[in-house]
Amino acid sequence: MTALIIGGSGFLGNELIRQARAAGHTTAATYATRPGDTSQAEWYALDLRHAGRLDAVMAEVRPHLVVDASSGKADWATTAEGPVRIAMAAAKCGSRLVQVSSDAVFSGARVHYDETCLPDPITPYGAAKAAAETGVLVVHPEAVVARTSLIIGYGRSVHEHLVHELAAGTHNGALFTDDIRCPVHVADLAAALLELASGDAAGIHHLAGPDALSRHELGTLIARRDDLDASRLPTGLRARSTHPGALDVRLDSRATQRYLRTTLRGARQFLDHTG
């Protein structure tokens, strides 16, 4: 099969490429500014704001499955409208589609969120992601929308880099003790996304780890794994900061996990420095 990874130059995209090739898929990937540093994929420049360019890439690649792991942050044209263009192109080509979404679609008001919960975003990024979810499933009902949380792994995530900078004293900031999420390892997430893309699932799915941790708890685990001094990690409260966003959002992934072969490990397991 041929797989197309939208946003292949990112952290998750790079892992998706690696695993798709390992599974024997012919793999193509897109980038917004520069291609990734792997030769395991055929690279295509793509601005999701331009439907004509997307159609040209789809026509050339002719993918059996598409995973959209792109990140346009709060830019509405890219993050909200871009995935809908991808879904329209995938439906036209008869391609399987998995759209990666985020726990940012939730406000945190109810803390625990399973796949039946409706989005209630409180940030521009969350609103764009929520709009993308709705649009994708309207134009491509057979698509999968996979919500996830903080992505960790191999020391290369932004969260791991931040912990190292804070421990070294080269970055000003704090790790919030009241900001709680369910981190997932990038390898587990990529495997689960490709499993969903290769099957016949549709609709909303949650792909997050089972451990709910504050940013500071997560940072402490990362520091211990990497032999850093965890006592040097500054703490703070998001509720008292200028950073907008939900405080406590815990994705419940049990319904999705029940029929996945891929195990979504908790952060306490995959960051265990003794393992």
Protein backbone atom coordinates (compact mmCIF):
# COMPACT_ATOMS: atom_id res chain seq x y z
CA MET A 1 0.00 0.00 0.00
CA THR A 2 0.98 3.60 -0.45
CA ALA A 3 0.83 5.89 2.58
CA LEU A 4 0.83 9.69 2.50
CA ILE A 5 1.86 11.45 5.71
CA ILE A 6 0.72 15.07 5.78
CA GLY A 7 3.08 17.02 8.02
CA GLY A 8 5.80 14.39 7.71
CA SER A 9 8.59 16.75 8.77
CA GLY A 10 7.21 17.07 12.30
CA PHE A 11 7.97 14.96 15.37
CA LEU A 12 4.96 12.66 14.95
CA GLY A 13 5.21 12.73 11.16
CA ASN A 14 8.78 11.47 11.23
CA GLU A 15 7.77 8.49 13.39
CA LEU A 16 4.81 7.77 11.10
CA ILE A 17 7.16 7.66 8.12
CA ARG A 18 9.54 5.31 9.92
CA GLN A 19 6.79 2.90 10.91
CA ALA A 20 4.99 3.05 7.56
CA ARG A 21 8.20 2.08 5.78
CA ALA A 22 8.89 -0.65 8.34
CA ALA A 23 5.42 -2.05 7.59
CA GLY A 24 6.29 -2.24 3.91
CA HIS A 25 4.28 0.75 2.71
CA THR A 26 5.49 2.91 -0.12
CA THR A 27 5.62 6.24 1.68
CA ALA A 28 5.24 9.85 0.64
CA ALA A 29 5.21 12.85 2.95
CA THR A 30 4.53 16.57 2.81
CA TYR A 31 6.20 19.55 4.42
CA ALA A 32 5.28 23.22 4.80
CA THR A 33 8.72 24.86 4.98
CA ARG A 34 11.42 22.21 4.51
CA PRO A 35 11.47 18.41 4.10
CA GLY A 36 12.35 16.13 6.96
CA ASP A 37 15.80 14.64 7.37
CA THR A 38 14.82 11.13 6.37
CA SER A 39 15.19 9.59 2.93
CA GLN A 40 12.52 6.99 3.72
CA ALA A 41 9.82 9.06 2.02
CA GLU A 42 9.24 10.90 -1.23
CA TRP A 43 8.82 14.54 -0.19
CA TYR A 44 6.29 17.06 -1.50
CA ALA A 45 5.96 20.73 -0.60
CA LEU A 46 2.39 21.49 0.49
CA ASP A 47 0.58 24.55 1.79
CA LEU A 48 -2.79 23.34 3.06
CA ARG A 49 -4.34 26.68 2.21
CA HIS A 50 -4.00 25.86 -1.50
CA ALA A 51 -6.46 23.18 -2.63
CA GLY A 52 -4.99 22.99 -6.11
CA ARG A 53 -1.58 21.95 -4.80
CA LEU A 54 -3.16 19.33 -2.54
CA ASP A 55 -5.09 17.85 -5.46
CA ALA A 56 -1.86 17.67 -7.48
CA VAL A 57 -0.03 15.81 -4.69
CA MET A 58 -2.91 13.38 -4.23
CA ALA A 59 -3.09 12.72 -7.98
CA GLU A 60 0.65 12.00 -8.16
CA VAL A 61 0.91 9.87 -5.01
CA ARG A 62 -2.46 8.07 -5.31
CA PRO A 63 -2.33 6.98 -1.64
CA HIS A 64 -4.32 4.11 -0.20
CA LEU A 65 -4.15 5.74 3.22
CA VAL A 66 -3.56 9.29 4.41
CA VAL A 67 -2.61 10.40 7.93
CA ASP A 68 -2.83 14.13 8.59
CA ALA A 69 -0.32 14.93 11.33
CA SER A 70 0.14 18.55 10.30
CA SER A 71 0.14 21.40 12.80
CA GLY A 72 -0.92 24.88 11.79
CA LYS A 73 -1.33 25.99 15.40
CA ALA A 74 -4.08 28.64 15.69
CA ASP A 75 -4.05 29.61 12.00
CA TRP A 76 -7.66 28.98 10.98
CA ALA A 77 -7.02 28.54 7.26
CA THR A 78 -4.43 25.82 7.92
CA THR A 79 -5.72 24.09 11.06
CA ALA A 80 -9.48 24.28 10.53
CA GLU A 81 -9.93 24.48 6.77
CA GLY A 82 -6.85 22.53 5.65
CA PRO A 83 -8.01 19.16 7.04
CA VAL A 84 -11.38 19.57 5.34
CA ARG A 85 -9.59 20.04 2.02
CA ILE A 86 -7.59 16.88 2.77
CA ALA A 87 -10.78 14.98 3.58
CA MET A 88 -12.43 16.11 0.34
CA ALA A 89 -9.38 15.05 -1.67
CA ALA A 90 -9.14 11.70 0.16
CA ALA A 91 -12.83 10.97 -0.38
CA LYS A 92 -12.49 11.81 -4.07
CA CYS A 93 -9.50 9.46 -4.41
CA GLY A 94 -11.06 6.69 -2.31
CA SER A 95 -8.27 6.94 0.29
CA ARG A 96 -8.53 5.97 3.94
CA LEU A 97 -8.02 9.03 6.14
CA VAL A 98 -6.95 9.49 9.74
CA GLN A 99 -7.09 13.07 10.99
CA VAL A 100 -5.00 13.74 14.10
CA SER A 101 -6.81 15.99 16.55
CA SER A 102 -6.10 17.21 20.07
CA ASP A 103 -7.38 17.29 23.62
CA ALA A 104 -7.40 21.08 23.12
CA VAL A 105 -10.95 20.68 21.78
CA PHE A 106 -12.08 20.37 25.43
CA SER A 107 -12.37 23.04 28.13
CA GLY A 108 -11.55 20.81 31.09
CA ALA A 109 -14.87 21.59 32.75
CA ARG A 110 -15.72 17.90 33.14
CA VAL A 111 -12.09 16.63 33.43
CA HIS A 112 -12.75 13.13 32.05
CA TYR A 113 -13.56 12.91 28.32
CA ASP A 114 -14.43 9.84 26.29
CA GLU A 115 -15.27 9.67 22.59
CA THR A 116 -18.92 10.60 23.15
CA CYS A 117 -18.08 14.02 24.64
CA LEU A 118 -18.76 17.05 22.47
CA PRO A 119 -16.00 19.63 21.98
CA ASP A 120 -16.16 22.84 24.01
CA PRO A 121 -12.87 24.58 23.18
CA ILE A 122 -11.71 27.72 24.97
CA THR A 123 -8.67 28.65 22.82
CA PRO A 124 -8.37 29.62 19.14
CA TYR A 125 -6.28 26.49 18.49
CA GLY A 126 -8.87 24.27 20.16
CA ALA A 127 -11.65 25.91 18.17
CA ALA A 128 -9.77 25.33 14.90
CA LYS A 129 -9.19 21.68 15.77
CA ALA A 130 -12.86 21.21 16.72
CA ALA A 131 -14.00 22.77 13.45
CA ALA A 132 -11.65 20.47 11.54
CA GLU A 133 -13.11 17.42 13.25
CA THR A 134 -16.65 18.36 12.24
CA GLY A 135 -15.73 19.27 8.69
CA VAL A 136 -13.66 16.14 8.07
CA LEU A 137 -16.44 13.78 9.15
CA VAL A 138 -19.06 15.68 7.14
CA VAL A 139 -17.20 15.38 3.84
CA HIS A 140 -15.57 11.97 4.52
CA PRO A 141 -17.80 9.96 6.91
CA GLU A 142 -15.51 6.92 6.71
CA ALA A 143 -12.57 8.92 8.07
CA VAL A 144 -11.10 8.54 11.55
CA VAL A 145 -10.60 11.54 13.82
CA ALA A 146 -8.03 10.58 16.45
CA ARG A 147 -7.66 12.89 19.45
CA THR A 148 -4.43 12.70 21.37
CA SER A 149 -2.58 14.47 24.18
CA LEU A 150 1.04 15.44 24.96
CA ILE A 151 3.37 13.45 22.69
CA ILE A 152 6.64 12.24 24.25
CA GLY A 153 9.49 10.07 23.05
CA TYR A 154 13.17 9.51 22.31
CA GLY A 155 14.09 12.81 24.00
CA ARG A 156 13.03 14.73 20.90
CA SER A 157 9.66 16.19 21.88
CA VAL A 158 9.21 19.85 22.76
CA HIS A 159 8.25 18.78 26.29
CA GLU A 160 11.49 16.85 26.78
CA HIS A 161 13.58 19.68 25.35
CA LEU A 162 11.90 22.12 27.75
CA VAL A 163 12.70 19.95 30.76
CA HIS A 164 16.38 19.86 29.79
CA GLU A 165 16.47 23.64 29.31
CA LEU A 166 14.75 24.30 32.64
CA ALA A 167 17.05 21.91 34.49
CA ALA A 168 20.07 23.59 32.91
CA GLY A 169 18.78 27.05 33.74
CA THR A 170 18.84 28.13 30.09
CA HIS A 171 15.09 28.76 29.86
CA ASN A 172 12.86 30.97 31.98
CA GLY A 173 9.53 29.41 32.85
CA ALA A 174 7.82 26.86 35.02
CA LEU A 175 6.16 23.47 34.83
CA PHE A 176 2.57 23.81 35.97
CA THR A 177 1.29 21.60 38.76
CA ASP A 178 -2.37 22.22 37.90
CA ASP A 179 -2.14 21.50 34.14
CA ILE A 180 -2.98 17.81 33.75
CA ARG A 181 -2.94 15.68 30.61
CA CYS A 182 -2.53 12.03 29.56
CA PRO A 183 0.83 11.80 27.72
CA VAL A 184 1.43 9.23 25.01
CA HIS A 185 4.64 7.86 23.52
CA VAL A 186 5.17 8.87 19.90
CA ALA A 187 5.90 5.26 18.86
CA ASP A 188 2.64 4.01 20.41
CA LEU A 189 0.66 6.86 18.86
CA ALA A 190 2.10 6.36 15.39
CA ALA A 191 1.47 2.61 15.53
CA ALA A 192 -2.13 3.16 16.64
CA LEU A 193 -2.75 5.75 13.92
CA LEU A 194 -1.43 3.44 11.21
CA GLU A 195 -3.47 0.57 12.64
CA LEU A 196 -6.61 2.69 12.43
CA ALA A 197 -5.68 3.82 8.92
CA SER A 198 -5.21 0.23 7.76
CA GLY A 199 -8.53 -0.99 9.17
CA ASP A 200 -12.17 -0.09 8.75
CA ALA A 201 -12.71 2.11 11.81
CA ALA A 202 -14.50 5.44 11.41
CA GLY A 203 -15.49 8.39 13.56
CA ILE A 204 -13.99 9.72 16.78
CA HIS A 205 -11.25 7.83 18.63
CA HIS A 206 -9.03 8.71 21.59
CA LEU A 207 -5.34 7.81 21.61
CA ALA A 208 -3.75 8.91 24.87
CA GLY A 209 -1.92 7.15 27.66
CA PRO A 210 -3.73 5.89 30.78
CA ASP A 211 -1.67 8.01 33.22
CA ALA A 212 -2.96 11.49 34.10
CA LEU A 213 0.00 13.70 35.04
CA SER A 214 0.64 17.36 35.66
CA ARG A 215 3.26 19.07 33.53
CA HIS A 216 5.54 19.09 36.56
CA GLU A 217 5.00 15.39 37.30
CA LEU A 218 5.79 14.63 33.67
CA GLY A 219 8.88 16.81 33.83
CA THR A 220 10.07 15.02 36.95
CA LEU A 221 9.76 11.63 35.23
CA ILE A 222 11.69 12.93 32.21
CA ALA A 223 14.40 14.38 34.47
CA ARG A 224 14.82 11.11 36.36
CA ARG A 225 15.04 9.12 33.13
CA ASP A 226 17.69 11.45 31.76
CA ASP A 227 19.64 11.72 35.05
CA LEU A 228 18.81 15.40 35.51
CA ASP A 229 18.29 17.14 38.84
CA ALA A 230 14.49 17.23 39.11
CA SER A 231 14.71 19.62 42.05
CA ARG A 232 15.86 22.31 39.61
CA LEU A 233 12.55 22.24 37.73
CA PRO A 234 10.57 25.36 38.70
CA THR A 235 6.87 24.96 39.46
CA GLY A 236 3.90 27.24 38.89
CA LEU A 237 0.14 27.37 38.48
CA ARG A 238 -1.36 27.79 35.04
CA ALA A 239 -4.46 29.26 36.67
CA ARG A 240 -2.32 32.20 37.83
CA SER A 241 -0.41 32.56 34.58
CA THR A 242 -1.08 34.41 31.33
CA HIS A 243 -1.15 31.15 29.36
CA PRO A 244 -4.69 30.43 28.10
CA GLY A 245 -6.13 26.95 27.94
CA ALA A 246 -7.80 24.19 29.87
CA LEU A 247 -6.34 23.00 33.15
CA ASP A 248 -7.35 19.36 33.63
CA VAL A 249 -8.21 17.35 30.49
CA ARG A 250 -8.02 13.58 30.74
CA LEU A 251 -8.75 11.69 27.53
CA ASP A 252 -10.37 8.34 28.22
CA SER A 253 -9.00 6.00 25.54
CA ARG A 254 -10.37 2.73 26.90
CA ALA A 255 -13.04 2.30 24.23
CA THR A 256 -10.48 2.63 21.43
CA GLN A 257 -7.84 0.59 23.25
CA ARG A 258 -10.17 -2.41 23.54
CA TYR A 259 -9.92 -3.23 19.85
CA LEU A 260 -6.39 -2.01 19.11
CA ARG A 261 -3.48 -4.41 18.91
CA THR A 262 -1.22 -1.48 19.80
CA THR A 263 -0.89 -0.84 23.53
CA LEU A 264 -0.95 2.80 24.56
CA ARG A 265 1.46 2.84 27.49
CA GLY A 266 1.24 5.27 30.38
CA ALA A 267 4.01 7.81 30.94
CA ARG A 268 5.03 6.15 34.19
CA GLN A 269 5.79 3.02 32.17
CA PHE A 270 7.56 4.46 29.14
CA LEU A 271 9.56 6.97 31.20
CA ASP A 272 10.68 4.41 33.77
CA HIS A 273 14.45 4.93 33.79
CA THR A 274 14.99 1.44 35.19
CA GLY A 275 13.42 -0.25 32.18
